[in-house]
């Protein structure tokens, strides 16, 4: 049985449209040599989405190299800031579907996405940097002030810790208790799914119950890239 997920219906963009991408757009980092796997990713993204998209992925890979030398708290800050620069666009407008969870490459390639895409890209980037999956949860919430469904990323420094929240609506990383505008509904990571009926949630099975998550993981593994309906690099 799959676990249904409703989509965020916010139509305004959360951030300014990115112009012609240079490394300076994402911070003054030194351009580093990509390894052969990374270079193939850049080439594939460039073929599907264009040169600017390839530059975004190149910058992401360079930034990730820099972030590896930072503390976990610093990694949270930089990853959150990096992805929060992209455009917020609803799935129906961007993909022509009611709900679509983009891979990080699709998100960067498209230069746009909705709250799930921001959260997913941050999650996979932090995993790659060595943050344990046990410390991370993607949390489906209701944004009370906006009266709509939303997704954020939570980081638990240890199992009983109060989580820190990474969000594209509020770019400041704060503890969960300070986000009274968010009502948790359920959360998940690469392994498990929790109903958020208590502080840390009630285990409700494996995250494989989420059909959208399964579809995302399959596309991520196969490096399948879908083109959006609208080009946000024009």
C-alpha atoms as a PDB file:
ATOM      1  CA  UNK A   1       0.000   0.000   0.000  1.00  0.00           C
ATOM      2  CA  UNK A   2       1.343   3.404  -0.897  1.00  0.00           C
ATOM      3  CA  UNK A   3       1.148   6.356   1.448  1.00  0.00           C
ATOM      4  CA  UNK A   4      -0.478   9.298  -0.379  1.00  0.00           C
ATOM      5  CA  UNK A   5       1.130  12.710  -0.437  1.00  0.00           C
ATOM      6  CA  UNK A   6      -0.706  15.909  -1.167  1.00  0.00           C
ATOM      7  CA  UNK A   7       1.103  18.657  -3.057  1.00  0.00           C
ATOM      8  CA  UNK A   8       1.914  22.206  -2.063  1.00  0.00           C
ATOM      9  CA  UNK A   9      -0.337  24.645  -3.906  1.00  0.00           C
ATOM     10  CA  UNK A  10       1.639  27.805  -3.394  1.00  0.00           C
ATOM     11  CA  UNK A  11       1.931  29.647  -6.720  1.00  0.00           C
ATOM     12  CA  UNK A  12       4.304  32.490  -5.955  1.00  0.00           C
ATOM     13  CA  UNK A  13       8.047  32.085  -6.379  1.00  0.00           C
ATOM     14  CA  UNK A  14      10.028  31.958  -3.148  1.00  0.00           C
ATOM     15  CA  UNK A  15      13.180  33.470  -4.611  1.00  0.00           C
ATOM     16  CA  UNK A  16      14.357  35.635  -7.513  1.00  0.00           C
ATOM     17  CA  UNK A  17      14.965  34.018 -10.871  1.00  0.00           C
ATOM     18  CA  UNK A  18      18.579  33.087 -11.405  1.00  0.00           C
ATOM     19  CA  UNK A  19      20.202  34.923 -14.289  1.00  0.00           C
ATOM     20  CA  UNK A  20      23.189  33.760 -16.298  1.00  0.00           C
ATOM     21  CA  UNK A  21      24.960  31.439 -13.926  1.00  0.00           C
ATOM     22  CA  UNK A  22      28.547  31.964 -12.918  1.00  0.00           C
ATOM     23  CA  UNK A  23      30.326  30.612  -9.894  1.00  0.00           C
ATOM     24  CA  UNK A  24      29.799  33.997  -8.248  1.00  0.00           C
ATOM     25  CA  UNK A  25      26.022  33.451  -8.247  1.00  0.00           C
ATOM     26  CA  UNK A  26      26.464  30.675  -5.709  1.00  0.00           C
ATOM     27  CA  UNK A  27      29.329  32.254  -3.795  1.00  0.00           C
ATOM     28  CA  UNK A  28      32.942  32.927  -4.524  1.00  0.00           C
ATOM     29  CA  UNK A  29      34.294  29.406  -4.591  1.00  0.00           C
ATOM     30  CA  UNK A  30      37.340  28.324  -6.521  1.00  0.00           C
ATOM     31  CA  UNK A  31      36.590  26.313  -9.648  1.00  0.00           C
ATOM     32  CA  UNK A  32      37.846  22.789  -9.044  1.00  0.00           C
ATOM     33  CA  UNK A  33      38.544  19.943 -11.423  1.00  0.00           C
ATOM     34  CA  UNK A  34      35.630  17.509 -11.594  1.00  0.00           C
ATOM     35  CA  UNK A  35      36.210  13.786 -11.570  1.00  0.00           C
ATOM     36  CA  UNK A  36      35.136  11.699 -14.550  1.00  0.00           C
ATOM     37  CA  UNK A  37      31.784  10.705 -13.002  1.00  0.00           C
ATOM     38  CA  UNK A  38      30.921  14.299 -12.176  1.00  0.00           C
ATOM     39  CA  UNK A  39      31.948  15.452 -15.629  1.00  0.00           C
ATOM     40  CA  UNK A  40      29.622  12.895 -17.211  1.00  0.00           C
ATOM     41  CA  UNK A  41      26.774  14.207 -15.051  1.00  0.00           C
ATOM     42  CA  UNK A  42      27.489  17.758 -16.190  1.00  0.00           C
ATOM     43  CA  UNK A  43      27.584  16.683 -19.828  1.00  0.00           C
ATOM     44  CA  UNK A  44      24.290  14.799 -19.534  1.00  0.00           C
ATOM     45  CA  UNK A  45      22.545  17.691 -17.802  1.00  0.00           C
ATOM     46  CA  UNK A  46      23.904  20.086 -20.423  1.00  0.00           C
ATOM     47  CA  UNK A  47      22.517  17.932 -23.237  1.00  0.00           C
ATOM     48  CA  UNK A  48      19.063  17.801 -21.667  1.00  0.00           C
ATOM     49  CA  UNK A  49      18.707  21.301 -20.157  1.00  0.00           C
ATOM     50  CA  UNK A  50      21.386  23.495 -21.742  1.00  0.00           C
ATOM     51  CA  UNK A  51      24.686  25.143 -20.859  1.00  0.00           C
ATOM     52  CA  UNK A  52      23.465  27.184 -17.892  1.00  0.00           C
ATOM     53  CA  UNK A  53      22.126  24.029 -16.275  1.00  0.00           C
ATOM     54  CA  UNK A  54      25.499  22.376 -16.778  1.00  0.00           C
ATOM     55  CA  UNK A  55      27.147  25.336 -15.053  1.00  0.00           C
ATOM     56  CA  UNK A  56      24.791  24.988 -12.097  1.00  0.00           C
ATOM     57  CA  UNK A  57      25.718  21.343 -11.684  1.00  0.00           C
ATOM     58  CA  UNK A  58      29.432  22.181 -12.022  1.00  0.00           C
ATOM     59  CA  UNK A  59      29.057  24.794  -9.274  1.00  0.00           C
ATOM     60  CA  UNK A  60      27.162  22.317  -7.077  1.00  0.00           C
ATOM     61  CA  UNK A  61      29.946  19.755  -7.450  1.00  0.00           C
ATOM     62  CA  UNK A  62      32.624  22.352  -6.676  1.00  0.00           C
ATOM     63  CA  UNK A  63      30.708  23.569  -3.637  1.00  0.00           C
ATOM     64  CA  UNK A  64      30.253  20.025  -2.369  1.00  0.00           C
ATOM     65  CA  UNK A  65      34.023  19.539  -2.458  1.00  0.00           C
ATOM     66  CA  UNK A  66      34.442  22.644  -0.295  1.00  0.00           C
ATOM     67  CA  UNK A  67      31.674  21.607   2.131  1.00  0.00           C
ATOM     68  CA  UNK A  68      33.317  18.241   2.871  1.00  0.00           C
ATOM     69  CA  UNK A  69      35.853  19.976   5.084  1.00  0.00           C
ATOM     70  CA  UNK A  70      33.224  21.685   7.247  1.00  0.00           C
ATOM     71  CA  UNK A  71      31.418  20.664  10.419  1.00  0.00           C
ATOM     72  CA  UNK A  72      27.949  19.170  10.063  1.00  0.00           C
ATOM     73  CA  UNK A  73      26.345  22.380  11.323  1.00  0.00           C
ATOM     74  CA  UNK A  74      28.239  24.382   8.703  1.00  0.00           C
ATOM     75  CA  UNK A  75      27.269  21.868   6.030  1.00  0.00           C
ATOM     76  CA  UNK A  76      23.609  22.350   6.921  1.00  0.00           C
ATOM     77  CA  UNK A  77      23.955  26.113   6.536  1.00  0.00           C
ATOM     78  CA  UNK A  78      25.753  26.043   3.204  1.00  0.00           C
ATOM     79  CA  UNK A  79      23.585  23.352   1.600  1.00  0.00           C
ATOM     80  CA  UNK A  80      20.449  25.174   2.727  1.00  0.00           C
ATOM     81  CA  UNK A  81      21.680  28.486   1.304  1.00  0.00           C
ATOM     82  CA  UNK A  82      22.855  26.918  -1.939  1.00  0.00           C
ATOM     83  CA  UNK A  83      19.552  25.339  -2.953  1.00  0.00           C
ATOM     84  CA  UNK A  84      17.383  28.150  -1.628  1.00  0.00           C
ATOM     85  CA  UNK A  85      18.649  30.276  -4.520  1.00  0.00           C
ATOM     86  CA  UNK A  86      16.585  28.362  -7.072  1.00  0.00           C
ATOM     87  CA  UNK A  87      13.068  29.312  -8.184  1.00  0.00           C
ATOM     88  CA  UNK A  88       9.893  28.063  -6.541  1.00  0.00           C
ATOM     89  CA  UNK A  89       7.408  26.794  -9.155  1.00  0.00           C
ATOM     90  CA  UNK A  90       4.428  24.471  -8.664  1.00  0.00           C
ATOM     91  CA  UNK A  91       4.525  20.999 -10.198  1.00  0.00           C
ATOM     92  CA  UNK A  92       1.528  21.485 -12.487  1.00  0.00           C
ATOM     93  CA  UNK A  93       3.148  24.543 -14.058  1.00  0.00           C
ATOM     94  CA  UNK A  94       6.678  23.120 -14.213  1.00  0.00           C
ATOM     95  CA  UNK A  95       6.072  19.443 -14.970  1.00  0.00           C
ATOM     96  CA  UNK A  96       2.443  19.307 -16.073  1.00  0.00           C
ATOM     97  CA  UNK A  97       1.679  16.869 -13.234  1.00  0.00           C
ATOM     98  CA  UNK A  98      -0.175  17.268  -9.955  1.00  0.00           C
ATOM     99  CA  UNK A  99       2.792  15.935  -8.003  1.00  0.00           C
ATOM    100  CA  UNK A 100       6.336  15.193  -9.139  1.00  0.00           C
ATOM    101  CA  UNK A 101       9.405  14.719  -6.955  1.00  0.00           C
ATOM    102  CA  UNK A 102      12.461  15.805  -8.936  1.00  0.00           C
ATOM    103  CA  UNK A 103      15.942  14.414  -8.429  1.00  0.00           C
ATOM    104  CA  UNK A 104      18.669  16.933  -7.524  1.00  0.00           C
ATOM    105  CA  UNK A 105      19.901  16.874 -11.135  1.00  0.00           C
ATOM    106  CA  UNK A 106      16.391  17.577 -12.452  1.00  0.00           C
ATOM    107  CA  UNK A 107      15.963  20.367  -9.905  1.00  0.00           C
ATOM    108  CA  UNK A 108      19.270  22.009 -10.826  1.00  0.00           C
ATOM    109  CA  UNK A 109      18.707  21.359 -14.508  1.00  0.00           C
ATOM    110  CA  UNK A 110      15.277  22.981 -14.430  1.00  0.00           C
ATOM    111  CA  UNK A 111      16.402  25.897 -12.219  1.00  0.00           C
ATOM    112  CA  UNK A 112      13.061  25.472 -10.426  1.00  0.00           C
ATOM    113  CA  UNK A 113      10.960  23.213  -8.246  1.00  0.00           C
ATOM    114  CA  UNK A 114       8.497  23.106  -5.376  1.00  0.00           C
ATOM    115  CA  UNK A 115       9.083  22.503  -1.660  1.00  0.00           C
ATOM    116  CA  UNK A 116       9.627  18.762  -2.064  1.00  0.00           C
ATOM    117  CA  UNK A 117      12.387  19.387  -4.608  1.00  0.00           C
ATOM    118  CA  UNK A 118      14.218  21.860  -2.341  1.00  0.00           C
ATOM    119  CA  UNK A 119      14.012  19.367   0.524  1.00  0.00           C
ATOM    120  CA  UNK A 120      15.070  16.346  -1.527  1.00  0.00           C
ATOM    121  CA  UNK A 121      18.102  18.113  -3.009  1.00  0.00           C
ATOM    122  CA  UNK A 122      19.270  19.177   0.465  1.00  0.00           C
ATOM    123  CA  UNK A 123      18.722  15.657   1.819  1.00  0.00           C
ATOM    124  CA  UNK A 124      20.773  13.909  -0.855  1.00  0.00           C
ATOM    125  CA  UNK A 125      23.530  16.531  -0.707  1.00  0.00           C
ATOM    126  CA  UNK A 126      23.916  16.108   3.058  1.00  0.00           C
ATOM    127  CA  UNK A 127      23.955  12.322   2.706  1.00  0.00           C
ATOM    128  CA  UNK A 128      26.750  12.644   0.170  1.00  0.00           C
ATOM    129  CA  UNK A 129      28.696  14.858   2.571  1.00  0.00           C
ATOM    130  CA  UNK A 130      28.607  12.033   5.108  1.00  0.00           C
ATOM    131  CA  UNK A 131      25.695  13.045   7.329  1.00  0.00           C
ATOM    132  CA  UNK A 132      24.046   9.858   8.548  1.00  0.00           C
ATOM    133  CA  UNK A 133      20.601   9.025   7.189  1.00  0.00           C
ATOM    134  CA  UNK A 134      19.595   8.405  10.811  1.00  0.00           C
ATOM    135  CA  UNK A 135      20.079  12.128  11.483  1.00  0.00           C
ATOM    136  CA  UNK A 136      17.861  13.277   8.615  1.00  0.00           C
ATOM    137  CA  UNK A 137      14.125  13.218   7.973  1.00  0.00           C
ATOM    138  CA  UNK A 138      12.026  14.730   5.248  1.00  0.00           C
ATOM    139  CA  UNK A 139       8.959  16.025   7.084  1.00  0.00           C
ATOM    140  CA  UNK A 140       5.596  16.599   5.466  1.00  0.00           C
ATOM    141  CA  UNK A 141       3.855  19.410   7.342  1.00  0.00           C
ATOM    142  CA  UNK A 142       1.008  21.845   7.135  1.00  0.00           C
ATOM    143  CA  UNK A 143       2.196  25.450   6.921  1.00  0.00           C
ATOM    144  CA  UNK A 144      -0.419  26.996   9.199  1.00  0.00           C
ATOM    145  CA  UNK A 145       0.010  30.645   8.210  1.00  0.00           C
ATOM    146  CA  UNK A 146      -0.226  29.759   4.532  1.00  0.00           C
ATOM    147  CA  UNK A 147      -2.910  27.100   5.103  1.00  0.00           C
ATOM    148  CA  UNK A 148      -1.222  24.660   2.752  1.00  0.00           C
ATOM    149  CA  UNK A 149       0.856  21.513   2.756  1.00  0.00           C
ATOM    150  CA  UNK A 150       4.612  21.802   2.699  1.00  0.00           C
ATOM    151  CA  UNK A 151       7.835  19.796   3.130  1.00  0.00           C
ATOM    152  CA  UNK A 152      10.975  20.598   5.133  1.00  0.00           C
ATOM    153  CA  UNK A 153      14.167  18.773   6.088  1.00  0.00           C
ATOM    154  CA  UNK A 154      14.949  17.994   9.731  1.00  0.00           C
ATOM    155  CA  UNK A 155      18.389  17.297  11.196  1.00  0.00           C
ATOM    156  CA  UNK A 156      18.754  15.442  14.515  1.00  0.00           C
ATOM    157  CA  UNK A 157      22.246  15.739  16.026  1.00  0.00           C
ATOM    158  CA  UNK A 158      21.399  12.652  18.128  1.00  0.00           C
ATOM    159  CA  UNK A 159      18.242  10.499  18.397  1.00  0.00           C
ATOM    160  CA  UNK A 160      16.606  12.424  21.261  1.00  0.00           C
ATOM    161  CA  UNK A 161      17.701  15.892  20.093  1.00  0.00           C
ATOM    162  CA  UNK A 162      15.301  18.600  19.055  1.00  0.00           C
ATOM    163  CA  UNK A 163      15.675  18.790  15.268  1.00  0.00           C
ATOM    164  CA  UNK A 164      16.887  21.731  13.240  1.00  0.00           C
ATOM    165  CA  UNK A 165      14.641  22.666  10.318  1.00  0.00           C
ATOM    166  CA  UNK A 166      15.901  23.476   6.812  1.00  0.00           C
ATOM    167  CA  UNK A 167      13.232  25.230   4.777  1.00  0.00           C
ATOM    168  CA  UNK A 168      12.789  27.213   1.574  1.00  0.00           C
ATOM    169  CA  UNK A 169       9.972  29.372   2.993  1.00  0.00           C
ATOM    170  CA  UNK A 170      11.997  30.505   5.994  1.00  0.00           C
ATOM    171  CA  UNK A 171      15.698  30.396   5.045  1.00  0.00           C
ATOM    172  CA  UNK A 172      16.889  30.662   8.668  1.00  0.00           C
ATOM    173  CA  UNK A 173      17.762  27.302  10.204  1.00  0.00           C
ATOM    174  CA  UNK A 174      15.985  27.094  13.558  1.00  0.00           C
ATOM    175  CA  UNK A 175      14.933  24.454  16.060  1.00  0.00           C
ATOM    176  CA  UNK A 176      11.562  22.808  15.476  1.00  0.00           C
ATOM    177  CA  UNK A 177      10.052  24.435  18.583  1.00  0.00           C
ATOM    178  CA  UNK A 178      10.556  27.856  16.999  1.00  0.00           C
ATOM    179  CA  UNK A 179       8.596  26.837  13.906  1.00  0.00           C
ATOM    180  CA  UNK A 180       5.124  27.045  15.395  1.00  0.00           C
ATOM    181  CA  UNK A 181       3.851  27.786  11.911  1.00  0.00           C
ATOM    182  CA  UNK A 182       4.483  24.158  10.936  1.00  0.00           C
ATOM    183  CA  UNK A 183       2.275  21.214  11.935  1.00  0.00           C
ATOM    184  CA  UNK A 184       4.117  17.898  11.317  1.00  0.00           C
ATOM    185  CA  UNK A 185       2.072  15.147   9.683  1.00  0.00           C
ATOM    186  CA  UNK A 186       4.559  12.427   8.771  1.00  0.00           C
ATOM    187  CA  UNK A 187       8.281  12.073   8.170  1.00  0.00           C
ATOM    188  CA  UNK A 188      10.620   9.664   6.413  1.00  0.00           C
ATOM    189  CA  UNK A 189      14.201   9.010   5.409  1.00  0.00           C
ATOM    190  CA  UNK A 190      15.881   6.399   3.239  1.00  0.00           C
ATOM    191  CA  UNK A 191      14.645   3.577   5.435  1.00  0.00           C
ATOM    192  CA  UNK A 192      11.626   4.376   7.558  1.00  0.00           C
ATOM    193  CA  UNK A 193       8.347   6.252   7.730  1.00  0.00           C
ATOM    194  CA  UNK A 194       6.929   7.871  10.874  1.00  0.00           C
ATOM    195  CA  UNK A 195       3.554   9.358  11.740  1.00  0.00           C
ATOM    196  CA  UNK A 196       4.284  12.523  13.690  1.00  0.00           C
ATOM    197  CA  UNK A 197       1.919  11.922  16.598  1.00  0.00           C
ATOM    198  CA  UNK A 198       4.675  12.488  19.151  1.00  0.00           C
ATOM    199  CA  UNK A 199       7.982  14.343  19.422  1.00  0.00           C
ATOM    200  CA  UNK A 200       9.980  11.860  17.352  1.00  0.00           C
ATOM    201  CA  UNK A 201       7.058  10.195  15.632  1.00  0.00           C
ATOM    202  CA  UNK A 202       5.503   6.753  15.637  1.00  0.00           C
ATOM    203  CA  UNK A 203       7.121   4.224  13.313  1.00  0.00           C
ATOM    204  CA  UNK A 204       4.677   3.379  10.525  1.00  0.00           C
ATOM    205  CA  UNK A 205       6.764   1.096   8.344  1.00  0.00           C
ATOM    206  CA  UNK A 206       9.308   1.509   5.582  1.00  0.00           C
ATOM    207  CA  UNK A 207       9.653   4.608   3.417  1.00  0.00           C
ATOM    208  CA  UNK A 208       9.140   2.311   0.422  1.00  0.00           C
ATOM    209  CA  UNK A 209       5.416   2.704   1.178  1.00  0.00           C
ATOM    210  CA  UNK A 210       5.684   6.107  -0.529  1.00  0.00           C
ATOM    211  CA  UNK A 211       5.112   5.632  -4.243  1.00  0.00           C
ATOM    212  CA  UNK A 212       6.579   9.038  -5.152  1.00  0.00           C
ATOM    213  CA  UNK A 213       9.713   8.213  -3.171  1.00  0.00           C
ATOM    214  CA  UNK A 214      10.095   4.894  -5.005  1.00  0.00           C
ATOM    215  CA  UNK A 215       9.717   6.630  -8.363  1.00  0.00           C
ATOM    216  CA  UNK A 216      12.295   9.267  -7.410  1.00  0.00           C
ATOM    217  CA  UNK A 217      14.836   6.686  -6.262  1.00  0.00           C
ATOM    218  CA  UNK A 218      14.426   4.723  -9.486  1.00  0.00           C
ATOM    219  CA  UNK A 219      15.059   7.835 -11.605  1.00  0.00           C
ATOM    220  CA  UNK A 220      17.999   8.818  -9.438  1.00  0.00           C
ATOM    221  CA  UNK A 221      19.588   5.391  -9.866  1.00  0.00           C
ATOM    222  CA  UNK A 222      19.066   5.313 -13.636  1.00  0.00           C
ATOM    223  CA  UNK A 223      20.013   9.002 -14.082  1.00  0.00           C
ATOM    224  CA  UNK A 224      16.746   9.558 -15.915  1.00  0.00           C
ATOM    225  CA  UNK A 225      16.170  13.286 -16.533  1.00  0.00           C
ATOM    226  CA  UNK A 226      12.763  14.742 -17.331  1.00  0.00           C
ATOM    227  CA  UNK A 227      12.482  18.068 -19.127  1.00  0.00           C
ATOM    228  CA  UNK A 228      10.130  20.677 -17.628  1.00  0.00           C
ATOM    229  CA  UNK A 229       7.353  22.359 -19.556  1.00  0.00           C
ATOM    230  CA  UNK A 230       8.901  25.803 -18.993  1.00  0.00           C
ATOM    231  CA  UNK A 231      12.523  26.843 -19.430  1.00  0.00           C
ATOM    232  CA  UNK A 232      13.502  29.044 -16.462  1.00  0.00           C
ATOM    233  CA  UNK A 233      16.877  29.867 -17.997  1.00  0.00           C
ATOM    234  CA  UNK A 234      15.315  32.029 -20.724  1.00  0.00           C
END
